[in-house]
Amino acid sequence: MSRKYFGTDGVRGRANATLTADLALRVGMAAGLIFQRGEYRHRVVIGKDTRLSGYMIENALVAGFTSVGMDVLLLGPVPTPAVGMLTRSMRADLGVMISASHNPFDDNGIKLFGPDGFKLSDEVEREIEELIDEDMAKRLAKPAEIGRAKRLEGVHARYIEYAKRTLPRDQTFDGIRVVVDCANGAGYKVAPEALWELGADVVSIGVEPDGMNINRDVGSTSPAALSAKVREVRADIGIALDGDADRVIIVDEKGHVVDGDQLMAVVAESFKEDGRLARSGLVATVMSNLGLERHLAGEGISLARTAVGDRYVLERMRADGYNVGGEQSGHIILSDYSTTGDGLVAALQVLAVVARRGKPVSEVCHRFDPLPQILKNVRYACGRPLEDEKVKIVIADAERRLANHGRLLIRPSGTEPVIRVMGEGDDRDLVENVVDDVIDVLQKVAA
């Protein structure tokens, strides 16, 4: 069943257009009602990134939650993983992060966490959706039972200390020059401070948010600025977070980008050496490079694949007992520490490996040569192009041609009328030809 408000990562939309103060108010009321499960004062923690619209949505959510009798603790700008951590550690009934992650400033979103610090299941989100469109007036709190709201102090220090404790007690980064790009987003205070406290020589960019510059030419989706700064100051490593700091991309001392596939390999191999890698494997999505899978196999580490989306990675990790997972885009989930992707914690784990090895990042973080990977999209107006016989024939032929030398992945987008065609293999020319053949037929059918 299609959902009206919730997508793959909470409620998201254009601020003051599809994501309005009224909708935020109703989300707060509905979620607050569903998470009142006993005769005690219920509480919700609310964090946000640095978008201008965060003020509007925050106040609307506060009105919604307090109107149904929930107390609200406001965290201010903090990373998404900090909300998950604090929801659990403060025994809150619910956690909320106001963010649209790596999207431009004019988008925003509402991510919800249960009392265990994990994002809500599809079933609970459906319950909230059903309530949003109902008349909740009769379920409002009595005047004496309306919730209270207050801003919580010391949030940044708590999160920094939590992040540092994921490392060995004697771990320091003395002598390592780090450029950290915080995307003018939620991590702009905590990430530089945590790195400095651990002894690194820190150069910061993307730490001057103005409400509208989040992710603009900075952050993990725009690493050019970080690469340039690393080369300029001759840093040993660059770290780029996204707007809500739940993903990370690394840049080596030469200014070359290191993606999530390489980082997962670094962390998984380090965990295996220390006897900490659960199931002797990790979880990644279907988009992770085949080169990663082959490399891990050579190291005795298995790779389980899921659909695209960090929530599916986490579901597989929880179901099967893995403790390392993530996406090529930089969502790295280390479930021994966090209930969601955590860009800062993942970066600290990589830095610890770099410090221990005493070798350049370009050597430590280049675990394998990725296979050529070609990704192209076809937009369609209506219908189901993938069910057309001509499309089925060309896909079958493409898979036969790649055979044991690569793979083909074709999937509809979950957010727009687009078919994504990805091919990868040892022979770039063959991969390009295969992808182009599929694209040609899809375009004719979709026209």
Protein backbone atom coordinates (compact mmCIF):
# COMPACT_ATOMS: atom_id res chain seq x y z
CA MET A 1 0.00 0.00 0.00
CA SER A 2 1.43 3.38 -1.03
CA ARG A 3 1.93 5.91 1.73
CA LYS A 4 0.81 9.53 1.70
CA TYR A 5 3.33 11.22 3.97
CA PHE A 6 6.19 8.88 4.84
CA GLY A 7 8.90 7.97 2.35
CA THR A 8 12.02 5.85 2.74
CA ASP A 9 13.40 8.17 5.43
CA GLY A 10 10.53 9.80 7.29
CA VAL A 11 8.39 12.69 6.08
CA ARG A 12 10.16 14.88 3.55
CA GLY A 13 9.17 17.71 1.23
CA ARG A 14 9.63 21.30 0.19
CA ALA A 15 9.39 23.57 3.22
CA ASN A 16 6.18 25.60 3.45
CA ALA A 17 4.85 23.85 0.35
CA THR A 18 4.43 20.12 0.88
CA LEU A 19 5.99 20.13 4.36
CA THR A 20 4.02 22.81 6.16
CA ALA A 21 3.70 23.88 9.78
CA ASP A 22 0.23 22.36 9.80
CA LEU A 23 1.53 18.97 8.67
CA ALA A 24 4.35 19.10 11.25
CA LEU A 25 1.78 19.94 13.94
CA ARG A 26 -0.33 16.93 12.98
CA VAL A 27 2.71 14.63 12.81
CA GLY A 28 3.57 15.69 16.36
CA MET A 29 0.02 15.09 17.58
CA ALA A 30 -0.31 11.70 15.87
CA ALA A 31 3.12 10.39 16.87
CA GLY A 32 2.63 11.68 20.41
CA LEU A 33 -0.67 9.86 20.78
CA ILE A 34 0.71 6.57 19.48
CA PHE A 35 3.75 6.66 21.76
CA GLN A 36 1.84 7.28 24.98
CA ARG A 37 1.86 3.81 26.45
CA GLY A 38 1.50 4.13 30.20
CA GLU A 39 0.45 6.31 33.14
CA TYR A 40 3.54 8.53 33.37
CA ARG A 41 4.90 11.78 31.91
CA HIS A 42 5.96 10.98 28.37
CA ARG A 43 8.86 12.79 26.76
CA VAL A 44 10.18 13.40 23.26
CA VAL A 45 13.59 14.77 22.23
CA ILE A 46 13.78 16.97 19.11
CA GLY A 47 16.96 17.77 17.19
CA LYS A 48 17.42 19.59 13.90
CA ASP A 49 19.98 20.61 11.33
CA THR A 50 20.65 24.22 10.30
CA ARG A 51 17.92 24.87 7.72
CA LEU A 52 15.95 28.09 8.04
CA SER A 53 12.69 26.13 8.00
CA GLY A 54 13.83 24.16 11.04
CA TYR A 55 12.55 26.92 13.33
CA MET A 56 9.06 26.70 11.86
CA ILE A 57 8.88 22.92 11.91
CA GLU A 58 10.39 22.67 15.39
CA ASN A 59 7.81 25.00 16.90
CA ALA A 60 4.97 23.25 15.09
CA LEU A 61 6.12 19.87 16.39
CA VAL A 62 6.40 21.26 19.92
CA ALA A 63 2.80 22.48 19.67
CA GLY A 64 1.68 19.08 18.42
CA PHE A 65 3.45 17.03 21.08
CA THR A 66 2.58 19.26 24.02
CA SER A 67 -1.07 19.43 22.92
CA VAL A 68 -1.39 15.69 23.47
CA GLY A 69 0.43 15.79 26.80
CA MET A 70 4.05 14.99 25.90
CA ASP A 71 6.97 16.90 27.41
CA VAL A 72 9.52 18.13 24.87
CA LEU A 73 13.31 18.40 25.23
CA LEU A 74 14.82 20.58 22.50
CA LEU A 75 18.36 19.64 21.44
CA GLY A 76 19.03 22.34 18.86
CA PRO A 77 21.32 21.61 15.88
CA VAL A 78 22.78 18.10 16.40
CA PRO A 79 23.62 15.15 14.11
CA THR A 80 20.88 12.62 13.39
CA PRO A 81 22.78 9.85 15.25
CA ALA A 82 22.87 12.07 18.35
CA VAL A 83 19.08 12.07 18.37
CA GLY A 84 18.99 8.28 18.21
CA MET A 85 21.57 8.02 20.99
CA LEU A 86 19.89 10.57 23.27
CA THR A 87 16.43 9.11 22.74
CA ARG A 88 17.68 5.85 24.18
CA SER A 89 20.03 7.20 26.87
CA MET A 90 17.46 9.68 28.22
CA ARG A 91 14.68 7.06 28.24
CA ALA A 92 12.55 9.20 25.95
CA ASP A 93 9.45 7.70 24.38
CA LEU A 94 10.21 9.21 21.00
CA GLY A 95 12.97 11.03 19.14
CA VAL A 96 12.66 13.46 16.23
CA MET A 97 15.24 14.80 13.80
CA ILE A 98 14.24 17.71 11.60
CA SER A 99 16.37 17.37 8.47
CA ALA A 100 16.35 16.61 4.77
CA SER A 101 19.87 15.17 5.01
CA HIS A 102 21.88 15.99 1.86
CA ASN A 103 19.04 17.84 0.08
CA PRO A 104 19.14 21.62 -0.61
CA PHE A 105 18.05 24.03 2.12
CA ASP A 106 14.53 24.55 0.77
CA ASP A 107 13.67 20.92 1.49
CA ASN A 108 13.18 19.61 5.00
CA GLY A 109 12.06 16.44 6.71
CA ILE A 110 10.92 14.79 9.92
CA LYS A 111 12.66 11.56 10.99
CA LEU A 112 11.20 9.65 13.92
CA PHE A 113 12.97 7.31 16.34
CA GLY A 114 11.38 4.88 18.77
CA PRO A 115 12.39 4.56 22.43
CA ASP A 116 15.09 2.04 21.42
CA GLY A 117 16.82 4.72 19.31
CA PHE A 118 15.99 3.03 16.00
CA LYS A 119 13.94 4.56 13.21
CA LEU A 120 10.31 3.51 13.17
CA SER A 121 9.07 0.45 11.31
CA ASP A 122 6.80 0.72 8.28
CA GLU A 123 3.92 -0.56 10.41
CA VAL A 124 4.24 2.19 13.03
CA GLU A 125 4.62 4.84 10.33
CA ARG A 126 1.35 3.62 8.78
CA GLU A 127 -0.36 3.99 12.16
CA ILE A 128 0.85 7.57 12.37
CA GLU A 129 -0.30 8.28 8.80
CA GLU A 130 -3.80 7.05 9.57
CA LEU A 131 -4.02 9.36 12.59
CA ILE A 132 -2.68 12.42 10.75
CA ASP A 133 -5.79 12.64 8.59
CA GLU A 134 -8.22 11.94 11.45
CA ASP A 135 -9.91 14.43 13.76
CA MET A 136 -7.73 14.31 16.88
CA ALA A 137 -9.55 17.10 18.73
CA LYS A 138 -11.23 14.73 21.18
CA ARG A 139 -7.87 13.21 22.15
CA LEU A 140 -6.14 16.46 23.13
CA ALA A 141 -4.76 16.74 26.66
CA LYS A 142 -6.77 18.43 29.37
CA PRO A 143 -5.53 21.93 30.29
CA ALA A 144 -3.67 20.69 33.37
CA GLU A 145 -2.05 17.86 31.39
CA ILE A 146 -0.59 19.85 28.49
CA GLY A 147 3.10 19.07 28.02
CA ARG A 148 6.03 21.35 28.88
CA ALA A 149 8.95 22.22 26.60
CA LYS A 150 12.50 23.21 27.49
CA ARG A 151 15.85 23.46 25.77
CA LEU A 152 18.37 20.87 26.93
CA GLU A 153 21.87 22.10 27.80
CA GLY A 154 25.13 20.19 27.31
CA VAL A 155 23.91 18.17 24.33
CA HIS A 156 27.04 18.69 22.25
CA ALA A 157 29.33 17.59 25.07
CA ARG A 158 27.30 14.42 25.60
CA TYR A 159 27.48 13.46 21.94
CA ILE A 160 31.19 14.27 21.64
CA GLU A 161 31.97 12.12 24.66
CA TYR A 162 29.86 9.29 23.25
CA ALA A 163 31.72 9.47 19.92
CA LYS A 164 35.13 9.50 21.62
CA ARG A 165 34.23 6.45 23.70
CA THR A 166 33.89 4.36 20.55
CA LEU A 167 37.70 4.44 20.44
CA PRO A 168 40.22 2.79 22.77
CA ARG A 169 40.84 4.89 25.88
CA ASP A 170 44.43 5.72 24.89
CA GLN A 171 43.64 6.56 21.24
CA THR A 172 44.93 9.94 20.05
CA PHE A 173 45.38 11.56 16.66
CA ASP A 174 48.45 13.58 17.58
CA GLY A 175 50.40 14.71 14.53
CA ILE A 176 47.53 14.13 12.08
CA ARG A 177 46.28 17.17 10.19
CA VAL A 178 42.57 16.83 9.41
CA VAL A 179 40.35 19.00 7.24
CA VAL A 180 36.73 18.48 8.25
CA ASP A 181 33.86 19.70 6.05
CA CYS A 182 30.61 19.90 8.01
CA ALA A 183 28.39 20.92 5.06
CA ASN A 184 27.19 23.97 7.03
CA GLY A 185 24.96 21.41 8.70
CA ALA A 186 24.17 19.65 11.95
CA GLY A 187 27.74 18.57 12.71
CA TYR A 188 29.32 22.01 12.40
CA LYS A 189 30.12 22.29 16.13
CA VAL A 190 30.59 18.73 17.33
CA ALA A 191 32.81 17.27 14.59
CA PRO A 192 35.69 19.81 14.75
CA GLU A 193 35.57 19.81 18.56
CA ALA A 194 35.69 16.01 18.85
CA LEU A 195 38.65 15.78 16.46
CA TRP A 196 40.51 18.54 18.29
CA GLU A 197 39.94 16.90 21.68
CA LEU A 198 41.46 13.72 20.27
CA GLY A 199 44.65 15.56 19.41
CA ALA A 200 44.24 16.24 15.70
CA ASP A 201 45.37 19.45 14.02
CA VAL A 202 41.96 20.54 12.70
CA VAL A 203 41.12 22.78 9.76
CA SER A 204 37.37 23.32 9.38
CA ILE A 205 35.24 24.31 6.39
CA GLY A 206 31.46 24.32 6.01
CA VAL A 207 31.05 25.55 9.59
CA GLU A 208 29.28 28.86 8.96
CA PRO A 209 25.60 27.98 8.53
CA ASP A 210 23.23 30.81 7.65
CA GLY A 211 20.05 28.79 7.26
CA MET A 212 20.31 28.59 3.49
CA ASN A 213 23.83 27.33 2.70
CA ILE A 214 23.54 23.77 4.03
CA ASN A 215 25.06 21.32 1.49
CA ARG A 216 25.73 24.18 -0.94
CA ASP A 217 29.03 23.35 -2.68
CA VAL A 218 30.24 21.63 0.50
CA GLY A 219 29.76 18.34 2.30
CA SER A 220 29.84 14.71 1.26
CA THR A 221 27.82 15.30 -1.91
CA SER A 222 30.17 18.10 -3.07
CA PRO A 223 33.69 16.99 -2.10
CA ALA A 224 35.57 19.33 -4.47
CA ALA A 225 35.94 22.03 -1.80
CA LEU A 226 37.33 19.51 0.67
CA SER A 227 39.78 18.10 -1.88
CA ALA A 228 41.07 21.58 -2.67
CA LYS A 229 41.49 22.49 1.01
CA VAL A 230 43.33 19.22 1.78
CA ARG A 231 45.83 19.97 -0.96
CA GLU A 232 46.10 23.63 0.05
CA VAL A 233 46.98 22.97 3.70
CA ARG A 234 48.79 19.69 3.00
CA ALA A 235 46.50 17.77 5.29
CA ASP A 236 46.80 14.05 5.95
CA ILE A 237 43.09 13.42 5.51
CA GLY A 238 39.82 15.15 4.71
CA ILE A 239 36.45 14.25 6.25
CA ALA A 240 33.17 15.37 4.67
CA LEU A 241 29.82 15.00 6.43
CA ASP A 242 26.41 15.65 4.93
CA GLY A 243 23.72 18.01 6.22
CA ASP A 244 22.62 15.85 9.15
CA ALA A 245 26.02 14.16 9.64
CA ASP A 246 24.79 10.59 9.24
CA ARG A 247 27.06 9.92 6.27
CA VAL A 248 30.77 10.50 5.56
CA ILE A 249 33.15 10.62 2.64
CA ILE A 250 36.95 10.65 3.06
CA VAL A 251 39.54 12.47 0.96
CA ASP A 252 43.13 11.22 1.00
CA GLU A 253 46.26 13.36 1.24
CA LYS A 254 46.33 13.69 -2.55
CA GLY A 255 42.80 15.07 -2.66
CA HIS A 256 41.26 11.87 -4.05
CA VAL A 257 37.80 10.87 -2.84
CA VAL A 258 37.38 7.60 -0.92
CA ASP A 259 33.78 6.34 -1.04
CA GLY A 260 31.72 4.29 1.38
CA ASP A 261 32.68 0.97 -0.21
CA GLN A 262 36.35 1.49 0.59
CA LEU A 263 35.54 2.74 4.09
CA MET A 264 33.40 -0.31 4.85
CA ALA A 265 36.30 -2.52 3.78
CA VAL A 266 38.72 -0.61 6.04
CA VAL A 267 36.46 -0.89 9.07
CA ALA A 268 35.43 -4.50 8.47
CA GLU A 269 39.04 -5.67 8.06
CA SER A 270 40.07 -3.75 11.18
CA PHE A 271 37.21 -5.28 13.17
CA LYS A 272 38.14 -8.74 11.91
CA GLU A 273 41.77 -8.28 12.99
CA ASP A 274 40.55 -7.34 16.46
CA GLY A 275 38.07 -10.22 16.62
CA ARG A 276 35.10 -7.84 16.63
CA LEU A 277 33.52 -8.51 13.23
CA ALA A 278 30.19 -10.25 13.78
CA ARG A 279 29.21 -13.00 11.32
CA SER A 280 32.60 -12.50 9.58
CA GLY A 281 30.77 -10.29 7.14
CA LEU A 282 29.12 -6.98 6.41
CA VAL A 283 25.91 -5.71 4.82
CA ALA A 284 25.81 -3.38 1.81
CA THR A 285 23.27 -2.52 -0.88
CA VAL A 286 22.98 -3.75 -4.44
CA MET A 287 24.79 -0.56 -5.52
CA SER A 288 28.08 -1.41 -3.82
CA ASN A 289 30.83 -2.21 -6.29
CA LEU A 290 31.51 -5.79 -7.31
CA GLY A 291 35.17 -5.05 -6.60
CA LEU A 292 34.26 -4.73 -2.91
CA GLU A 293 32.59 -8.13 -2.91
CA ARG A 294 35.56 -9.80 -4.58
CA HIS A 295 38.06 -8.11 -2.25
CA LEU A 296 36.16 -9.10 0.88
CA ALA A 297 35.91 -12.68 -0.32
CA GLY A 298 39.70 -12.76 -0.56
CA GLU A 299 39.88 -11.58 3.04
CA GLY A 300 37.44 -14.22 4.25
CA ILE A 301 34.65 -11.68 4.75
CA SER A 302 31.18 -12.26 3.32
CA LEU A 303 28.99 -9.55 1.78
CA ALA A 304 25.20 -9.59 2.17
CA ARG A 305 23.30 -7.26 -0.16
CA THR A 306 20.03 -5.41 0.36
CA ALA A 307 17.81 -2.98 -1.54
CA VAL A 308 19.02 0.62 -1.75
CA GLY A 309 18.50 2.57 1.48
CA ASP A 310 20.23 2.59 4.85
CA ARG A 311 17.04 1.40 6.57
CA TYR A 312 17.20 -1.87 4.61
CA VAL A 313 20.86 -2.29 5.52
CA LEU A 314 20.03 -1.82 9.18
CA GLU A 315 17.07 -4.21 9.03
CA ARG A 316 19.34 -6.95 7.64
CA MET A 317 22.02 -6.20 10.22
CA ARG A 318 19.53 -6.47 13.09
CA ALA A 319 17.85 -9.57 11.70
CA ASP A 320 21.04 -11.54 11.06
CA GLY A 321 23.43 -10.19 13.68
CA TYR A 322 25.90 -8.18 11.59
CA ASN A 323 27.65 -5.18 13.19
CA VAL A 324 29.09 -3.44 10.11
CA GLY A 325 27.05 -2.21 7.16
CA GLY A 326 26.48 0.74 4.91
CA GLU A 327 26.16 2.28 1.49
CA GLN A 328 28.55 3.41 -1.20
CA SER A 329 27.26 6.95 -0.60
CA GLY A 330 28.83 7.02 2.86
CA HIS A 331 26.15 5.80 5.25
CA ILE A 332 28.26 3.63 7.55
CA ILE A 333 26.36 1.81 10.29
CA LEU A 334 28.35 0.37 13.18
CA SER A 335 25.69 -1.20 15.36
CA ASP A 336 28.03 -1.83 18.29
CA TYR A 337 27.87 1.93 18.81
CA SER A 338 24.95 3.50 16.96
CA THR A 339 21.36 2.84 15.92
CA THR A 340 21.79 4.61 12.59
CA GLY A 341 24.49 5.86 10.23
CA ASP A 342 27.00 8.07 12.05
CA GLY A 343 29.45 10.04 9.93
CA LEU A 344 31.65 11.19 12.80
CA VAL A 345 31.92 7.78 14.48
CA ALA A 346 32.73 6.11 11.15
CA ALA A 347 35.40 8.73 10.45
CA LEU A 348 36.95 8.16 13.89
CA GLN A 349 37.16 4.42 13.24
CA VAL A 350 38.94 5.04 9.93
CA LEU A 351 41.28 7.57 11.55
CA ALA A 352 42.15 5.04 14.24
CA VAL A 353 43.23 2.57 11.53
CA VAL A 354 45.30 5.29 9.84
CA ALA A 355 46.98 6.20 13.13
CA ARG A 356 47.70 2.56 13.95
CA ARG A 357 49.16 1.75 10.54
CA GLY A 358 51.26 4.91 10.34
CA LYS A 359 50.85 5.02 6.54
CA PRO A 360 49.28 7.56 4.17
CA VAL A 361 45.50 7.54 3.82
CA SER A 362 45.88 6.85 0.09
CA GLU A 363 47.43 3.52 1.00
CA VAL A 364 45.36 2.61 4.06
CA CYS A 365 41.99 3.44 2.48
CA HIS A 366 42.58 2.00 -0.98
CA ARG A 367 41.51 -1.56 -0.30
CA PHE A 368 40.59 -2.57 -3.85
CA ASP A 369 40.32 -1.30 -7.42
CA PRO A 370 36.63 -0.73 -8.17
CA LEU A 371 35.24 -2.26 -11.33
CA PRO A 372 33.97 0.15 -14.01
CA GLN A 373 30.40 1.05 -13.06
CA ILE A 374 27.99 2.79 -15.42
CA LEU A 375 24.70 4.24 -14.18
CA LYS A 376 22.09 5.80 -16.47
CA ASN A 377 18.45 6.80 -15.98
CA VAL A 378 15.38 6.72 -18.20
CA ARG A 379 12.36 8.86 -17.33
CA TYR A 380 8.92 7.58 -18.27
CA ALA A 381 5.49 9.18 -18.29
CA CYS A 382 3.26 6.29 -17.30
CA GLY A 383 2.85 2.52 -17.34
CA ARG A 384 5.39 -0.13 -16.35
CA PRO A 385 8.20 -0.20 -18.92
CA LEU A 386 9.99 -3.10 -17.25
CA GLU A 387 7.04 -5.39 -18.02
CA ASP A 388 7.31 -4.81 -21.79
CA GLU A 389 8.44 -7.93 -23.73
CA LYS A 390 11.05 -6.01 -25.75
CA VAL A 391 12.59 -4.74 -22.50
CA LYS A 392 12.60 -8.21 -20.97
CA ILE A 393 14.39 -9.61 -24.04
CA VAL A 394 17.12 -6.95 -24.08
CA ILE A 395 17.69 -7.34 -20.33
CA ALA A 396 18.04 -11.11 -20.66
CA ASP A 397 20.53 -10.65 -23.50
CA ALA A 398 22.50 -8.06 -21.49
CA GLU A 399 22.75 -10.40 -18.51
CA ARG A 400 23.95 -13.22 -20.77
CA ARG A 401 26.67 -11.01 -22.29
CA LEU A 402 27.98 -9.96 -18.88
CA ALA A 403 27.71 -13.52 -17.52
CA ASN A 404 30.48 -14.09 -14.93
CA HIS A 405 32.34 -10.89 -15.87
CA GLY A 406 30.01 -8.41 -14.21
CA ARG A 407 26.43 -7.70 -13.25
CA LEU A 408 23.42 -5.69 -14.33
CA LEU A 409 21.02 -3.97 -11.95
CA ILE A 410 17.78 -2.40 -13.17
CA ARG A 411 15.34 -0.86 -10.73
CA PRO A 412 12.61 1.77 -10.66
CA SER A 413 13.25 4.79 -8.47
CA GLY A 414 11.25 4.90 -5.26
CA THR A 415 10.74 8.66 -5.45
CA GLU A 416 10.26 9.60 -9.13
CA PRO A 417 9.14 8.04 -12.47
CA VAL A 418 12.63 6.93 -13.43
CA ILE A 419 14.18 3.56 -14.31
CA ARG A 420 17.80 3.26 -13.14
CA VAL A 421 20.12 1.03 -15.16
CA MET A 422 23.46 0.13 -13.62
CA GLY A 423 26.05 -2.14 -15.14
CA GLU A 424 29.52 -3.04 -13.96
CA GLY A 425 32.21 -5.46 -14.99
CA ASP A 426 35.83 -6.05 -15.84
CA ASP A 427 35.49 -4.66 -19.40
CA ARG A 428 34.34 -1.01 -19.45
CA ASP A 429 33.52 -1.07 -23.17
CA LEU A 430 31.33 -4.14 -22.73
CA VAL A 431 29.56 -2.59 -19.75
CA GLU A 432 28.89 0.64 -21.65
CA ASN A 433 27.53 -1.25 -24.65
CA VAL A 434 25.28 -3.42 -22.50
CA VAL A 435 23.87 -0.44 -20.57
CA ASP A 436 23.35 1.59 -23.75
CA ASP A 437 21.47 -1.27 -25.42
CA VAL A 438 19.09 -1.52 -22.47
CA ILE A 439 18.67 2.26 -22.33
CA ASP A 440 17.84 2.46 -26.05
CA VAL A 441 15.00 -0.04 -25.75
CA LEU A 442 13.69 1.50 -22.52
CA GLN A 443 13.61 4.96 -24.11
CA LYS A 444 11.59 3.69 -27.08
CA VAL A 445 9.12 1.90 -24.83
CA ALA A 446 8.85 4.82 -22.40
CA ALA A 447 8.40 7.46 -25.12
